[in-house]
Amino acid sequence: MAGGPLQGNALVVAAAKASVSGEALPDLVDRAQTHLGARLPDYGRRYECVHEDESTAVFLTSEGHWAEIGEELSLTDREWKAIRRAHAEHLKRLGDDIDRRQEFETALEVREAVVIGK
């Protein structure tokens, strides 16, 4: 599934703001999801889970986390930054849905969002 668990609007906004094409971003997100999916239990132990439902878990990690993942996946700076932006946009939209947007935006000032599909 192109774009994995991320909301379509989050991908559209991230693609518009990133230096990565809207056609390439869903594939990059899927590549990251493959990498992250196997690590879901580890994320549950190491990071704060700010939202979980039957299909996704959303974590807040330390700054620089996406740079590390980008290095592990041999992504360019533009690619991992676009993925990071898509995950952040997903968290903001989720915040709108569950009336926690301000809390999530404040958290994103010092942390990074990671959305993992189940």
PDB file of N, CA and C in Angstrom:
ATOM      1  N   MET A   1       0.845  -1.179   0.000  1.00  0.00           N
ATOM      2  CA  MET A   1       0.000   0.000   0.000  1.00  0.00           C
ATOM      3  C   MET A   1       0.891   1.244   0.000  1.00  0.00           C
ATOM      4  N   ALA A   2       0.807   2.055  -1.013  1.00  0.00           N
ATOM      5  CA  ALA A   2       1.632   3.246  -1.136  1.00  0.00           C
ATOM      6  C   ALA A   2       1.306   4.234  -0.036  1.00  0.00           C
ATOM      7  N   GLY A   3       2.327   4.583   0.732  1.00  0.00           N
ATOM      8  CA  GLY A   3       2.141   5.527   1.818  1.00  0.00           C
ATOM      9  C   GLY A   3       1.877   4.871   3.152  1.00  0.00           C
ATOM     10  N   GLY A   4       1.751   3.557   3.162  1.00  0.00           N
ATOM     11  CA  GLY A   4       1.580   2.830   4.404  1.00  0.00           C
ATOM     12  C   GLY A   4       0.455   3.373   5.260  1.00  0.00           C
ATOM     13  N   PRO A   5       0.682   3.480   6.572  1.00  0.00           N
ATOM     14  CA  PRO A   5      -0.382   3.894   7.480  1.00  0.00           C
ATOM     15  C   PRO A   5      -0.605   5.408   7.535  1.00  0.00           C
ATOM     16  N   LEU A   6       0.179   6.167   6.809  1.00  0.00           N
ATOM     17  CA  LEU A   6       0.052   7.621   6.877  1.00  0.00           C
ATOM     18  C   LEU A   6      -1.175   8.102   6.123  1.00  0.00           C
ATOM     19  N   GLN A   7      -1.845   9.088   6.697  1.00  0.00           N
ATOM     20  CA  GLN A   7      -3.025   9.663   6.062  1.00  0.00           C
ATOM     21  C   GLN A   7      -2.630  10.314   4.745  1.00  0.00           C
ATOM     22  N   GLY A   8      -3.488  10.167   3.741  1.00  0.00           N
ATOM     23  CA  GLY A   8      -3.214  10.726   2.423  1.00  0.00           C
ATOM     24  C   GLY A   8      -2.930  12.211   2.449  1.00  0.00           C
ATOM     25  N   ASN A   9      -3.684  12.963   3.268  1.00  0.00           N
ATOM     26  CA  ASN A   9      -3.455  14.404   3.357  1.00  0.00           C
ATOM     27  C   ASN A   9      -2.069  14.723   3.893  1.00  0.00           C
ATOM     28  N   ALA A  10      -1.591  13.911   4.823  1.00  0.00           N
ATOM     29  CA  ALA A  10      -0.256  14.120   5.372  1.00  0.00           C
ATOM     30  C   ALA A  10       0.795  13.971   4.277  1.00  0.00           C
ATOM     31  N   LEU A  11       0.600  13.001   3.396  1.00  0.00           N
ATOM     32  CA  LEU A  11       1.537  12.791   2.287  1.00  0.00           C
ATOM     33  C   LEU A  11       1.480  13.956   1.300  1.00  0.00           C
ATOM     34  N   VAL A  12       0.289  14.441   1.023  1.00  0.00           N
ATOM     35  CA  VAL A  12       0.133  15.554   0.081  1.00  0.00           C
ATOM     36  C   VAL A  12       0.845  16.796   0.611  1.00  0.00           C
ATOM     37  N   VAL A  13       0.615  17.127   1.882  1.00  0.00           N
ATOM     38  CA  VAL A  13       1.251  18.304   2.477  1.00  0.00           C
ATOM     39  C   VAL A  13       2.760  18.132   2.529  1.00  0.00           C
ATOM     40  N   ALA A  14       3.212  16.962   2.942  1.00  0.00           N
ATOM     41  CA  ALA A  14       4.652  16.709   3.031  1.00  0.00           C
ATOM     42  C   ALA A  14       5.306  16.804   1.660  1.00  0.00           C
ATOM     43  N   ALA A  15       4.669  16.254   0.647  1.00  0.00           N
ATOM     44  CA  ALA A  15       5.226  16.316  -0.714  1.00  0.00           C
ATOM     45  C   ALA A  15       5.280  17.756  -1.210  1.00  0.00           C
ATOM     46  N   ALA A  16       4.273  18.541  -0.882  1.00  0.00           N
ATOM     47  CA  ALA A  16       4.242  19.940  -1.322  1.00  0.00           C
ATOM     48  C   ALA A  16       5.356  20.755  -0.672  1.00  0.00           C
ATOM     49  N   LYS A  17       5.715  20.420   0.561  1.00  0.00           N
ATOM     50  CA  LYS A  17       6.732  21.171   1.295  1.00  0.00           C
ATOM     51  C   LYS A  17       8.136  20.602   1.118  1.00  0.00           C
ATOM     52  N   ALA A  18       8.230  19.376   0.665  1.00  0.00           N
ATOM     53  CA  ALA A  18       9.530  18.703   0.555  1.00  0.00           C
ATOM     54  C   ALA A  18      10.113  18.863  -0.838  1.00  0.00           C
ATOM     55  N   SER A  19      11.363  18.541  -0.946  1.00  0.00           N
ATOM     56  CA  SER A  19      12.046  18.568  -2.242  1.00  0.00           C
ATOM     57  C   SER A  19      12.056  17.184  -2.869  1.00  0.00           C
ATOM     58  N   VAL A  20      10.998  16.423  -2.619  1.00  0.00           N
ATOM     59  CA  VAL A  20      10.831  15.083  -3.166  1.00  0.00           C
ATOM     60  C   VAL A  20       9.490  15.072  -3.887  1.00  0.00           C
ATOM     61  N   SER A  21       9.426  14.442  -5.014  1.00  0.00           N
ATOM     62  CA  SER A  21       8.178  14.448  -5.783  1.00  0.00           C
ATOM     63  C   SER A  21       7.073  13.705  -5.061  1.00  0.00           C
ATOM     64  N   GLY A  22       5.853  14.128  -5.324  1.00  0.00           N
ATOM     65  CA  GLY A  22       4.686  13.473  -4.751  1.00  0.00           C
ATOM     66  C   GLY A  22       4.559  12.033  -5.189  1.00  0.00           C
ATOM     67  N   GLU A  23       5.140  11.708  -6.332  1.00  0.00           N
ATOM     68  CA  GLU A  23       5.112  10.321  -6.811  1.00  0.00           C
ATOM     69  C   GLU A  23       6.111   9.456  -6.064  1.00  0.00           C
ATOM     70  N   ALA A  24       7.241  10.039  -5.664  1.00  0.00           N
ATOM     71  CA  ALA A  24       8.291   9.272  -4.991  1.00  0.00           C
ATOM     72  C   ALA A  24       8.017   9.083  -3.504  1.00  0.00           C
ATOM     73  N   LEU A  25       7.352  10.043  -2.872  1.00  0.00           N
ATOM     74  CA  LEU A  25       7.180  10.002  -1.421  1.00  0.00           C
ATOM     75  C   LEU A  25       6.455   8.754  -0.916  1.00  0.00           C
ATOM     76  N   PRO A  26       5.342   8.322  -1.509  1.00  0.00           N
ATOM     77  CA  PRO A  26       4.698   7.108  -0.986  1.00  0.00           C
ATOM     78  C   PRO A  26       5.618   5.884  -1.009  1.00  0.00           C
ATOM     79  N   ASP A  27       6.436   5.762  -2.031  1.00  0.00           N
ATOM     80  CA  ASP A  27       7.368   4.633  -2.086  1.00  0.00           C
ATOM     81  C   ASP A  27       8.434   4.743  -1.002  1.00  0.00           C
ATOM     82  N   LEU A  28       8.905   5.957  -0.748  1.00  0.00           N
ATOM     83  CA  LEU A  28       9.883   6.164   0.326  1.00  0.00           C
ATOM     84  C   LEU A  28       9.267   5.823   1.683  1.00  0.00           C
ATOM     85  N   VAL A  29       8.026   6.254   1.884  1.00  0.00           N
ATOM     86  CA  VAL A  29       7.327   5.959   3.135  1.00  0.00           C
ATOM     87  C   VAL A  29       7.143   4.452   3.292  1.00  0.00           C
ATOM     88  N   ASP A  30       6.799   3.764   2.231  1.00  0.00           N
ATOM     89  CA  ASP A  30       6.644   2.310   2.290  1.00  0.00           C
ATOM     90  C   ASP A  30       7.971   1.637   2.644  1.00  0.00           C
ATOM     91  N   ARG A  31       9.039   2.137   2.079  1.00  0.00           N
ATOM     92  CA  ARG A  31      10.366   1.580   2.368  1.00  0.00           C
ATOM     93  C   ARG A  31      10.690   1.754   3.856  1.00  0.00           C
ATOM     94  N   ALA A  32      10.393   2.932   4.384  1.00  0.00           N
ATOM     95  CA  ALA A  32      10.626   3.180   5.805  1.00  0.00           C
ATOM     96  C   ALA A  32       9.727   2.288   6.664  1.00  0.00           C
ATOM     97  N   GLN A  33       8.470   2.087   6.238  1.00  0.00           N
ATOM     98  CA  GLN A  33       7.550   1.248   7.001  1.00  0.00           C
ATOM     99  C   GLN A  33       8.044  -0.189   7.094  1.00  0.00           C
ATOM    100  N   THR A  34       8.598  -0.691   6.031  1.00  0.00           N
ATOM    101  CA  THR A  34       9.155  -2.045   6.055  1.00  0.00           C
ATOM    102  C   THR A  34      10.246  -2.136   7.115  1.00  0.00           C
ATOM    103  N   HIS A  35      11.066  -1.117   7.167  1.00  0.00           N
ATOM    104  CA  HIS A  35      12.158  -1.049   8.141  1.00  0.00           C
ATOM    105  C   HIS A  35      11.615  -0.912   9.573  1.00  0.00           C
ATOM    106  N   LEU A  36      10.622  -0.051   9.751  1.00  0.00           N
ATOM    107  CA  LEU A  36      10.081   0.228  11.081  1.00  0.00           C
ATOM    108  C   LEU A  36       9.208  -0.899  11.615  1.00  0.00           C
ATOM    109  N   GLY A  37       8.457  -1.543  10.741  1.00  0.00           N
ATOM    110  CA  GLY A  37       7.515  -2.571  11.171  1.00  0.00           C
ATOM    111  C   GLY A  37       8.150  -3.668  11.997  1.00  0.00           C
ATOM    112  N   ALA A  38       9.331  -4.074  11.615  1.00  0.00           N
ATOM    113  CA  ALA A  38      10.025  -5.128  12.346  1.00  0.00           C
ATOM    114  C   ALA A  38      10.499  -4.648  13.715  1.00  0.00           C
ATOM    115  N   ARG A  39      10.522  -3.347  13.904  1.00  0.00           N
ATOM    116  CA  ARG A  39      11.029  -2.783  15.157  1.00  0.00           C
ATOM    117  C   ARG A  39       9.928  -2.280  16.088  1.00  0.00           C
ATOM    118  N   LEU A  40       8.687  -2.574  15.773  1.00  0.00           N
ATOM    119  CA  LEU A  40       7.577  -2.087  16.587  1.00  0.00           C
ATOM    120  C   LEU A  40       7.734  -2.440  18.068  1.00  0.00           C
ATOM    121  N   PRO A  41       8.066  -3.681  18.420  1.00  0.00           N
ATOM    122  CA  PRO A  41       8.222  -3.989  19.852  1.00  0.00           C
ATOM    123  C   PRO A  41       9.307  -3.139  20.523  1.00  0.00           C
ATOM    124  N   ASP A  42      10.395  -2.891  19.814  1.00  0.00           N
ATOM    125  CA  ASP A  42      11.481  -2.078  20.360  1.00  0.00           C
ATOM    126  C   ASP A  42      11.026  -0.638  20.579  1.00  0.00           C
ATOM    127  N   TYR A  43      10.275  -0.094  19.628  1.00  0.00           N
ATOM    128  CA  TYR A  43       9.747   1.262  19.791  1.00  0.00           C
ATOM    129  C   TYR A  43       8.836   1.328  21.012  1.00  0.00           C
ATOM    130  N   GLY A  44       8.039   0.297  21.219  1.00  0.00           N
ATOM    131  CA  GLY A  44       7.144   0.263  22.367  1.00  0.00           C
ATOM    132  C   GLY A  44       7.878   0.292  23.695  1.00  0.00           C
ATOM    133  N   ARG A  45       9.073  -0.265  23.724  1.00  0.00           N
ATOM    134  CA  ARG A  45       9.879  -0.279  24.943  1.00  0.00           C
ATOM    135  C   ARG A  45      10.679   1.014  25.123  1.00  0.00           C
ATOM    136  N   ARG A  46      11.109   1.623  24.021  1.00  0.00           N
ATOM    137  CA  ARG A  46      12.060   2.735  24.108  1.00  0.00           C
ATOM    138  C   ARG A  46      11.448   4.128  24.044  1.00  0.00           C
ATOM    139  N   TYR A  47      10.287   4.258  23.409  1.00  0.00           N
ATOM    140  CA  TYR A  47       9.747   5.596  23.140  1.00  0.00           C
ATOM    141  C   TYR A  47       8.321   5.738  23.645  1.00  0.00           C
ATOM    142  N   GLU A  48       7.927   6.992  23.826  1.00  0.00           N
ATOM    143  CA  GLU A  48       6.572   7.287  24.263  1.00  0.00           C
ATOM    144  C   GLU A  48       5.586   7.056  23.119  1.00  0.00           C
ATOM    145  N   CYS A  49       4.600   6.236  23.370  1.00  0.00           N
ATOM    146  CA  CYS A  49       3.524   6.010  22.397  1.00  0.00           C
ATOM    147  C   CYS A  49       2.411   6.997  22.734  1.00  0.00           C
ATOM    148  N   VAL A  50       2.158   7.949  21.810  1.00  0.00           N
ATOM    149  CA  VAL A  50       1.169   8.988  22.078  1.00  0.00           C
ATOM    150  C   VAL A  50      -0.212   8.636  21.534  1.00  0.00           C
ATOM    151  N   HIS A  51      -0.275   7.620  20.703  1.00  0.00           N
ATOM    152  CA  HIS A  51      -1.570   7.168  20.188  1.00  0.00           C
ATOM    153  C   HIS A  51      -1.395   5.774  19.583  1.00  0.00           C
ATOM    154  N   GLU A  52      -2.392   4.933  19.820  1.00  0.00           N
ATOM    155  CA  GLU A  52      -2.378   3.592  19.230  1.00  0.00           C
ATOM    156  C   GLU A  52      -3.808   3.175  18.951  1.00  0.00           C
ATOM    157  N   ASP A  53      -3.998   2.562  17.815  1.00  0.00           N
ATOM    158  CA  ASP A  53      -5.285   1.964  17.490  1.00  0.00           C
ATOM    159  C   ASP A  53      -5.017   0.620  16.827  1.00  0.00           C
ATOM    160  N   GLU A  54      -6.034   0.037  16.223  1.00  0.00           N
ATOM    161  CA  GLU A  54      -5.861  -1.309  15.660  1.00  0.00           C
ATOM    162  C   GLU A  54      -4.903  -1.374  14.481  1.00  0.00           C
ATOM    163  N   SER A  55      -4.638  -0.236  13.840  1.00  0.00           N
ATOM    164  CA  SER A  55      -3.796  -0.284  12.644  1.00  0.00           C
ATOM    165  C   SER A  55      -2.471   0.454  12.752  1.00  0.00           C
ATOM    166  N   THR A  56      -2.316   1.348  13.734  1.00  0.00           N
ATOM    167  CA  THR A  56      -1.077   2.117  13.843  1.00  0.00           C
ATOM    168  C   THR A  56      -0.692   2.367  15.292  1.00  0.00           C
ATOM    169  N   ALA A  57       0.588   2.646  15.467  1.00  0.00           N
ATOM    170  CA  ALA A  57       1.119   3.139  16.735  1.00  0.00           C
ATOM    171  C   ALA A  57       1.960   4.363  16.394  1.00  0.00           C
ATOM    172  N   VAL A  58       1.803   5.426  17.183  1.00  0.00           N
ATOM    173  CA  VAL A  58       2.508   6.676  16.919  1.00  0.00           C
ATOM    174  C   VAL A  58       3.403   6.982  18.110  1.00  0.00           C
ATOM    175  N   PHE A  59       4.689   7.163  17.828  1.00  0.00           N
ATOM    176  CA  PHE A  59       5.675   7.384  18.870  1.00  0.00           C
ATOM    177  C   PHE A  59       6.328   8.745  18.720  1.00  0.00           C
ATOM    178  N   LEU A  60       6.818   9.269  19.844  1.00  0.00           N
ATOM    179  CA  LEU A  60       7.666  10.447  19.833  1.00  0.00           C
ATOM    180  C   LEU A  60       9.072   9.991  20.181  1.00  0.00           C
ATOM    181  N   THR A  61      10.010  10.319  19.312  1.00  0.00           N
ATOM    182  CA  THR A  61      11.400   9.911  19.492  1.00  0.00           C
ATOM    183  C   THR A  61      12.266  11.155  19.669  1.00  0.00           C
ATOM    184  N   SER A  62      13.533  10.952  19.888  1.00  0.00           N
ATOM    185  CA  SER A  62      14.454  12.073  20.048  1.00  0.00           C
ATOM    186  C   SER A  62      14.747  12.731  18.702  1.00  0.00           C
ATOM    187  N   GLU A  63      15.160  13.998  18.777  1.00  0.00           N
ATOM    188  CA  GLU A  63      15.568  14.680  17.551  1.00  0.00           C
ATOM    189  C   GLU A  63      16.749  13.934  16.947  1.00  0.00           C
ATOM    190  N   GLY A  64      16.791  13.882  15.648  1.00  0.00           N
ATOM    191  CA  GLY A  64      17.855  13.174  14.949  1.00  0.00           C
ATOM    192  C   GLY A  64      17.520  11.738  14.618  1.00  0.00           C
ATOM    193  N   HIS A  65      16.378  11.270  15.102  1.00  0.00           N
ATOM    194  CA  HIS A  65      15.994   9.876  14.868  1.00  0.00           C
ATOM    195  C   HIS A  65      15.840   9.576  13.378  1.00  0.00           C
ATOM    196  N   TRP A  66      15.184  10.495  12.650  1.00  0.00           N
ATOM    197  CA  TRP A  66      14.990  10.249  11.214  1.00  0.00           C
ATOM    198  C   TRP A  66      16.301  10.322  10.449  1.00  0.00           C
ATOM    199  N   ALA A  67      17.240  11.113  10.906  1.00  0.00           N
ATOM    200  CA  ALA A  67      18.561  11.140  10.255  1.00  0.00           C
ATOM    201  C   ALA A  67      19.230   9.773  10.391  1.00  0.00           C
ATOM    202  N   GLU A  68      19.088   9.160  11.570  1.00  0.00           N
ATOM    203  CA  GLU A  68      19.647   7.820  11.793  1.00  0.00           C
ATOM    204  C   GLU A  68      18.982   6.787  10.884  1.00  0.00           C
ATOM    205  N   ILE A  69      17.666   6.856  10.786  1.00  0.00           N
ATOM    206  CA  ILE A  69      16.957   5.919   9.911  1.00  0.00           C
ATOM    207  C   ILE A  69      17.367   6.152   8.462  1.00  0.00           C
ATOM    208  N   GLY A  70      17.484   7.411   8.079  1.00  0.00           N
ATOM    209  CA  GLY A  70      17.935   7.734   6.726  1.00  0.00           C
ATOM    210  C   GLY A  70      19.277   7.129   6.415  1.00  0.00           C
ATOM    211  N   GLU A  71      20.171   7.178   7.388  1.00  0.00           N
ATOM    212  CA  GLU A  71      21.496   6.581   7.190  1.00  0.00           C
ATOM    213  C   GLU A  71      21.397   5.062   7.065  1.00  0.00           C
ATOM    214  N   GLU A  72      20.579   4.448   7.926  1.00  0.00           N
ATOM    215  CA  GLU A  72      20.402   2.993   7.876  1.00  0.00           C
ATOM    216  C   GLU A  72      19.838   2.538   6.530  1.00  0.00           C
ATOM    217  N   LEU A  73      18.972   3.374   5.936  1.00  0.00           N
ATOM    218  CA  LEU A  73      18.324   3.017   4.671  1.00  0.00           C
ATOM    219  C   LEU A  73      19.042   3.603   3.457  1.00  0.00           C
ATOM    220  N   SER A  74      20.172   4.254   3.672  1.00  0.00           N
ATOM    221  CA  SER A  74      20.942   4.898   2.595  1.00  0.00           C
ATOM    222  C   SER A  74      20.093   5.911   1.819  1.00  0.00           C
ATOM    223  N   LEU A  75      19.347   6.735   2.552  1.00  0.00           N
ATOM    224  CA  LEU A  75      18.520   7.765   1.939  1.00  0.00           C
ATOM    225  C   LEU A  75      19.294   9.073   1.855  1.00  0.00           C
ATOM    226  N   THR A  76      18.929   9.897   0.897  1.00  0.00           N
ATOM    227  CA  THR A  76      19.509  11.234   0.828  1.00  0.00           C
ATOM    228  C   THR A  76      18.864  12.088   1.923  1.00  0.00           C
ATOM    229  N   ASP A  77      19.477  13.241   2.204  1.00  0.00           N
ATOM    230  CA  ASP A  77      18.895  14.156   3.192  1.00  0.00           C
ATOM    231  C   ASP A  77      17.474  14.545   2.800  1.00  0.00           C
ATOM    232  N   ARG A  78      17.280  14.849   1.535  1.00  0.00           N
ATOM    233  CA  ARG A  78      15.943  15.231   1.076  1.00  0.00           C
ATOM    234  C   ARG A  78      14.928  14.121   1.303  1.00  0.00           C
ATOM    235  N   GLU A  79      15.331  12.874   1.060  1.00  0.00           N
ATOM    236  CA  GLU A  79      14.403  11.753   1.197  1.00  0.00           C
ATOM    237  C   GLU A  79      13.991  11.530   2.646  1.00  0.00           C
ATOM    238  N   TRP A  80      14.960  11.458   3.567  1.00  0.00           N
ATOM    239  CA  TRP A  80      14.574  11.201   4.958  1.00  0.00           C
ATOM    240  C   TRP A  80      13.848  12.391   5.567  1.00  0.00           C
ATOM    241  N   LYS A  81      14.203  13.601   5.140  1.00  0.00           N
ATOM    242  CA  LYS A  81      13.487  14.775   5.645  1.00  0.00           C
ATOM    243  C   LYS A  81      12.040  14.795   5.153  1.00  0.00           C
ATOM    244  N   ALA A  82      11.806  14.331   3.946  1.00  0.00           N
ATOM    245  CA  ALA A  82      10.438  14.246   3.425  1.00  0.00           C
ATOM    246  C   ALA A  82       9.633  13.211   4.208  1.00  0.00           C
ATOM    247  N   ILE A  83      10.242  12.094   4.509  1.00  0.00           N
ATOM    248  CA  ILE A  83       9.560  11.066   5.303  1.00  0.00           C
ATOM    249  C   ILE A  83       9.278  11.607   6.700  1.00  0.00           C
ATOM    250  N   ARG A  84      10.247  12.259   7.297  1.00  0.00           N
ATOM    251  CA  ARG A  84      10.054  12.858   8.629  1.00  0.00           C
ATOM    252  C   ARG A  84       8.874  13.832   8.606  1.00  0.00           C
ATOM    253  N   ARG A  85       8.816  14.665   7.578  1.00  0.00           N
ATOM    254  CA  ARG A  85       7.731  15.645   7.460  1.00  0.00           C
ATOM    255  C   ARG A  85       6.381  14.939   7.326  1.00  0.00           C
ATOM    256  N   ALA A  86       6.329  13.862   6.564  1.00  0.00           N
ATOM    257  CA  ALA A  86       5.070  13.122   6.396  1.00  0.00           C
ATOM    258  C   ALA A  86       4.588  12.547   7.726  1.00  0.00           C
ATOM    259  N   HIS A  87       5.505  12.020   8.515  1.00  0.00           N
ATOM    260  CA  HIS A  87       5.135  11.474   9.820  1.00  0.00           C
ATOM    261  C   HIS A  87       4.663  12.588  10.755  1.00  0.00           C
ATOM    262  N   ALA A  88       5.330  13.733  10.718  1.00  0.00           N
ATOM    263  CA  ALA A  88       4.924  14.875  11.545  1.00  0.00           C
ATOM    264  C   ALA A  88       3.545  15.385  11.126  1.00  0.00           C
ATOM    265  N   GLU A  89       3.307  15.468   9.821  1.00  0.00           N
ATOM    266  CA  GLU A  89       2.002  15.925   9.337  1.00  0.00           C
ATOM    267  C   GLU A  89       0.896  14.950   9.747  1.00  0.00           C
ATOM    268  N   HIS A  90       1.199  13.659   9.713  1.00  0.00           N
ATOM    269  CA  HIS A  90       0.226  12.664  10.160  1.00  0.00           C
ATOM    270  C   HIS A  90      -0.125  12.915  11.632  1.00  0.00           C
ATOM    271  N   LEU A  91       0.889  13.154  12.460  1.00  0.00           N
ATOM    272  CA  LEU A  91       0.648  13.393  13.880  1.00  0.00           C
ATOM    273  C   LEU A  91      -0.202  14.647  14.089  1.00  0.00           C
ATOM    274  N   LYS A  92       0.062  15.705  13.342  1.00  0.00           N
ATOM    275  CA  LYS A  92      -0.729  16.931  13.472  1.00  0.00           C
ATOM    276  C   LYS A  92      -2.190  16.680  13.104  1.00  0.00           C
ATOM    277  N   ARG A  93      -2.416  15.963  12.022  1.00  0.00           N
ATOM    278  CA  ARG A  93      -3.783  15.675  11.599  1.00  0.00           C
ATOM    279  C   ARG A  93      -4.496  14.759  12.600  1.00  0.00           C
ATOM    280  N   LEU A  94      -3.758  13.811  13.135  1.00  0.00           N
ATOM    281  CA  LEU A  94      -4.298  12.968  14.191  1.00  0.00           C
ATOM    282  C   LEU A  94      -4.680  13.835  15.391  1.00  0.00           C
ATOM    283  N   GLY A  95      -3.833  14.800  15.714  1.00  0.00           N
ATOM    284  CA  GLY A  95      -4.132  15.721  16.810  1.00  0.00           C
ATOM    285  C   GLY A  95      -5.432  16.466  16.594  1.00  0.00           C
ATOM    286  N   ASP A  96      -5.701  16.864  15.344  1.00  0.00           N
ATOM    287  CA  ASP A  96      -6.988  17.496  15.029  1.00  0.00           C
ATOM    288  C   ASP A  96      -8.148  16.542  15.311  1.00  0.00           C
ATOM    289  N   ASP A  97      -7.976  15.297  14.900  1.00  0.00           N
ATOM    290  CA  ASP A  97      -9.044  14.302  15.042  1.00  0.00           C
ATOM    291  C   ASP A  97      -9.368  13.979  16.500  1.00  0.00           C
ATOM    292  N   ILE A  98      -8.346  14.000  17.360  1.00  0.00           N
ATOM    293  CA  ILE A  98      -8.563  13.607  18.762  1.00  0.00           C
ATOM    294  C   ILE A  98      -8.389  14.781  19.722  1.00  0.00           C
ATOM    295  N   ASP A  99      -8.434  15.988  19.175  1.00  0.00           N
ATOM    296  CA  ASP A  99      -8.374  17.219  19.967  1.00  0.00           C
ATOM    297  C   ASP A  99      -7.098  17.314  20.814  1.00  0.00           C
ATOM    298  N   ARG A 100      -5.953  16.997  20.191  1.00  0.00           N
ATOM    299  CA  ARG A 100      -4.656  17.096  20.867  1.00  0.00           C
ATOM    300  C   ARG A 100      -3.627  17.803  19.987  1.00  0.00           C
ATOM    301  N   ARG A 101      -4.080  18.579  19.010  1.00  0.00           N
ATOM    302  CA  ARG A 101      -3.163  19.182  18.042  1.00  0.00           C
ATOM    303  C   ARG A 101      -2.108  20.058  18.722  1.00  0.00           C
ATOM    304  N   GLN A 102      -2.515  20.938  19.622  1.00  0.00           N
ATOM    305  CA  GLN A 102      -1.557  21.834  20.263  1.00  0.00           C
ATOM    306  C   GLN A 102      -0.492  21.048  21.017  1.00  0.00           C
ATOM    307  N   GLU A 103      -0.925  20.018  21.735  1.00  0.00           N
ATOM    308  CA  GLU A 103       0.011  19.163  22.468  1.00  0.00           C
ATOM    309  C   GLU A 103       1.022  18.518  21.519  1.00  0.00           C
ATOM    310  N   PHE A 104       0.547  17.999  20.391  1.00  0.00           N
ATOM    311  CA  PHE A 104       1.432  17.334  19.444  1.00  0.00           C
ATOM    312  C   PHE A 104       2.360  18.324  18.749  1.00  0.00           C
ATOM    313  N   GLU A 105       1.857  19.503  18.405  1.00  0.00           N
ATOM    314  CA  GLU A 105       2.720  20.499  17.772  1.00  0.00           C
ATOM    315  C   GLU A 105       3.830  20.935  18.722  1.00  0.00           C
ATOM    316  N   THR A 106       3.496  21.097  19.993  1.00  0.00           N
ATOM    317  CA  THR A 106       4.517  21.454  20.985  1.00  0.00           C
ATOM    318  C   THR A 106       5.561  20.345  21.093  1.00  0.00           C
ATOM    319  N   ALA A 107       5.111  19.109  21.122  1.00  0.00           N
ATOM    320  CA  ALA A 107       6.044  17.978  21.209  1.00  0.00           C
ATOM    321  C   ALA A 107       6.980  17.942  20.006  1.00  0.00           C
ATOM    322  N   LEU A 108       6.462  18.282  18.826  1.00  0.00           N
ATOM    323  CA  LEU A 108       7.282  18.237  17.611  1.00  0.00           C
ATOM    324  C   LEU A 108       8.364  19.313  17.577  1.00  0.00           C
ATOM    325  N   GLU A 109       8.316  20.260  18.495  1.00  0.00           N
ATOM    326  CA  GLU A 109       9.372  21.269  18.565  1.00  0.00           C
ATOM    327  C   GLU A 109      10.684  20.673  19.056  1.00  0.00           C
ATOM    328  N   VAL A 110      10.617  19.579  19.814  1.00  0.00           N
ATOM    329  CA  VAL A 110      11.824  18.974  20.385  1.00  0.00           C
ATOM    330  C   VAL A 110      11.944  17.478  20.130  1.00  0.00           C
ATOM    331  N   ARG A 111      10.930  16.899  19.492  1.00  0.00           N
ATOM    332  CA  ARG A 111      10.947  15.461  19.234  1.00  0.00           C
ATOM    333  C   ARG A 111      10.478  15.196  17.811  1.00  0.00           C
ATOM    334  N   GLU A 112      10.612  13.937  17.384  1.00  0.00           N
ATOM    335  CA  GLU A 112      10.198  13.548  16.040  1.00  0.00           C
ATOM    336  C   GLU A 112       9.143  12.452  16.135  1.00  0.00           C
ATOM    337  N   ALA A 113       8.172  12.516  15.219  1.00  0.00           N
ATOM    338  CA  ALA A 113       7.098  11.527  15.188  1.00  0.00           C
ATOM    339  C   ALA A 113       7.489  10.343  14.308  1.00  0.00           C
ATOM    340  N   VAL A 114       7.110   9.170  14.778  1.00  0.00           N
ATOM    341  CA  VAL A 114       7.283   7.946  14.001  1.00  0.00           C
ATOM    342  C   VAL A 114       5.959   7.192  14.051  1.00  0.00           C
ATOM    343  N   VAL A 115       5.371   6.981  12.887  1.00  0.00           N
ATOM    344  CA  VAL A 115       4.108   6.257  12.767  1.00  0.00           C
ATOM    345  C   VAL A 115       4.429   4.875  12.200  1.00  0.00           C
ATOM    346  N   ILE A 116       3.995   3.855  12.919  1.00  0.00           N
ATOM    347  CA  ILE A 116       4.287   2.486  12.476  1.00  0.00           C
ATOM    348  C   ILE A 116       2.972   1.745  12.291  1.00  0.00           C
ATOM    349  N   GLY A 117       2.789   1.192  11.100  1.00  0.00           N
ATOM    350  CA  GLY A 117       1.619   0.369  10.829  1.00  0.00           C
ATOM    351  C   GLY A 117       1.766  -0.998  11.474  1.00  0.00           C
ATOM    352  N   LYS A 118       0.638  -1.543  11.881  1.00  0.00           N
ATOM    353  CA  LYS A 118       0.645  -2.870  12.513  1.00  0.00           C
ATOM    354  C   LYS A 118       0.303  -3.937  11.495  1.00  0.00           C
TER     355      LYS A 118
END
